[in-house]
C-alpha cells in the first residue's frame, strides 16, 4: 500500500514488541488503529467534497451549453412562425437570422454539418 515490504513490516513489528512491550502493545495498536481510521475518514470526506465540486462544475457547464442550444433553436424556430399542418403542402417561409440580418434555408434544405 505505501511501499512497505513484508520484511520491513516484520522488522517494525519486532521493534514495536521490544520497545513497547507485550503488555502495552494491544493498547498502542488500538490507539494507532483509531487514528488511522480518523485520518482515512477525513481523507474520504475531503475526496468526496472535491468530487462533488467537480460534478457541480460539470453540471453548470452542461446547463450553459443546453441554454445556448435552446436559445439557438428558439431563434431558428420562433413561436409566432407559420408551420403547416400535417398533410398540407410544405411551404415554409425562409427563416431570418436576426443577428446576421440575412435569410437562412429552411431546416430540410440545409446541408448537413
Protein backbone atom coordinates (compact mmCIF):
# COMPACT_ATOMS: atom_id res chain seq x y z
CA UNK A 1 0.00 0.00 0.00
CA UNK A 2 2.68 2.53 0.99
CA UNK A 3 5.57 0.57 -0.45
CA UNK A 4 6.14 -1.36 2.79
CA UNK A 5 7.61 -4.76 2.07
CA UNK A 6 6.79 -7.78 4.26
CA UNK A 7 10.33 -7.85 5.73
CA UNK A 8 10.10 -4.15 6.65
CA UNK A 9 6.74 -4.78 8.29
CA UNK A 10 8.19 -7.71 10.24
CA UNK A 11 11.10 -5.56 11.47
CA UNK A 12 8.71 -2.81 12.63
CA UNK A 13 6.52 -5.38 14.42
CA UNK A 14 9.52 -6.90 16.25
CA UNK A 15 10.83 -3.46 17.24
CA UNK A 16 7.37 -2.44 18.49
CA UNK A 17 7.19 -5.64 20.54
CA UNK A 18 10.64 -4.97 22.03
CA UNK A 19 10.27 -1.24 22.77
CA UNK A 20 6.58 -1.07 23.69
CA UNK A 21 6.36 -4.48 25.30
CA UNK A 22 3.74 -7.19 25.04
CA UNK A 23 1.69 -5.70 27.87
CA UNK A 24 1.06 -2.27 26.27
CA UNK A 25 1.15 -3.36 22.62
CA UNK A 26 -2.66 -4.01 22.30
CA UNK A 27 -3.45 -0.57 23.72
CA UNK A 28 -0.97 1.12 21.38
CA UNK A 29 -2.30 -0.81 18.37
CA UNK A 30 -5.87 0.16 19.31
CA UNK A 31 -4.84 3.83 19.53
CA UNK A 32 -2.97 3.66 16.23
CA UNK A 33 -5.98 1.98 14.59
CA UNK A 34 -8.27 4.69 15.94
CA UNK A 35 -6.13 7.47 14.49
CA UNK A 36 -5.63 5.70 11.18
CA UNK A 37 -9.42 5.37 10.93
CA UNK A 38 -9.88 9.07 11.70
CA UNK A 39 -7.32 10.08 9.06
CA UNK A 40 -8.94 7.80 6.47
CA UNK A 41 -12.36 9.26 7.29
CA UNK A 42 -11.06 12.80 6.84
CA UNK A 43 -9.40 11.85 3.56
CA UNK A 44 -12.63 10.21 2.34
CA UNK A 45 -14.62 13.32 3.32
CA UNK A 46 -12.13 15.58 1.54
CA UNK A 47 -12.16 13.42 -1.59
CA UNK A 48 -15.95 13.31 -1.74
CA UNK A 49 -16.07 17.11 -1.34
CA UNK A 50 -13.68 17.58 -4.26
CA UNK A 51 -15.68 15.11 -6.39
CA UNK A 52 -18.91 16.99 -5.59
CA UNK A 53 -17.34 20.30 -6.62
CA UNK A 54 -16.15 18.78 -9.91
CA UNK A 55 -19.58 17.26 -10.55
CA UNK A 56 -21.31 20.60 -9.88
CA UNK A 57 -18.92 22.42 -12.21
CA UNK A 58 -19.62 19.87 -14.96
CA UNK A 59 -23.37 20.26 -14.42
CA UNK A 60 -23.12 24.05 -14.67
CA UNK A 61 -21.14 23.70 -17.89
CA UNK A 62 -23.74 21.32 -19.37
CA UNK A 63 -26.60 23.60 -18.32
CA UNK A 64 -24.86 26.52 -20.03
CA UNK A 65 -24.48 24.50 -23.24
CA UNK A 66 -28.14 23.42 -23.08
CA UNK A 67 -29.27 27.01 -22.54
CA UNK A 68 -27.23 28.22 -25.53
CA UNK A 69 -28.55 25.40 -27.74
CA UNK A 70 -32.12 26.13 -26.59
CA UNK A 71 -31.72 29.80 -27.44
CA UNK A 72 -30.29 28.92 -30.86
CA UNK A 73 -33.22 26.59 -31.59
CA UNK A 74 -35.75 29.18 -30.44
CA UNK A 75 -34.11 31.81 -32.70
CA UNK A 76 -34.34 29.44 -35.69
CA UNK A 77 -37.91 28.39 -34.93
CA UNK A 78 -39.77 31.32 -33.34
CA UNK A 79 -43.07 30.63 -31.64
CA UNK A 80 -45.02 33.01 -33.92
CA UNK A 81 -43.75 31.38 -37.14
CA UNK A 82 -46.15 29.66 -39.52
CA UNK A 83 -45.81 25.89 -39.58
CA UNK A 84 -48.04 23.89 -41.94
CA UNK A 85 -50.49 21.40 -40.58
CA UNK A 86 -49.76 17.73 -41.22
CA UNK A 87 -50.98 16.71 -44.66
CA UNK A 88 -50.78 20.23 -46.12
CA UNK A 89 -48.14 21.27 -48.67
CA UNK A 90 -44.84 22.21 -47.07
CA UNK A 91 -44.42 25.88 -47.94
CA UNK A 92 -42.46 27.37 -45.09
CA UNK A 93 -41.09 30.88 -45.43
CA UNK A 94 -37.31 31.16 -45.10
CA UNK A 95 -36.06 31.69 -41.57
CA UNK A 96 -34.46 35.06 -40.94
CA UNK A 97 -31.45 35.19 -38.64
CA UNK A 98 -31.93 38.39 -36.61
CA UNK A 99 -28.23 38.65 -35.73
CA UNK A 100 -26.86 38.40 -39.27
CA UNK A 101 -29.82 40.11 -40.93
CA UNK A 102 -29.90 37.54 -43.72
CA UNK A 103 -32.21 34.73 -44.73
CA UNK A 104 -31.38 31.14 -43.90
CA UNK A 105 -32.52 27.99 -45.64
CA UNK A 106 -35.35 26.02 -44.06
CA UNK A 107 -34.11 23.07 -41.95
CA UNK A 108 -34.91 20.42 -44.59
CA UNK A 109 -32.90 22.27 -47.28
CA UNK A 110 -29.81 22.99 -45.15
CA UNK A 111 -26.67 20.96 -45.90
CA UNK A 112 -25.59 18.50 -43.25
CA UNK A 113 -22.75 19.68 -40.99
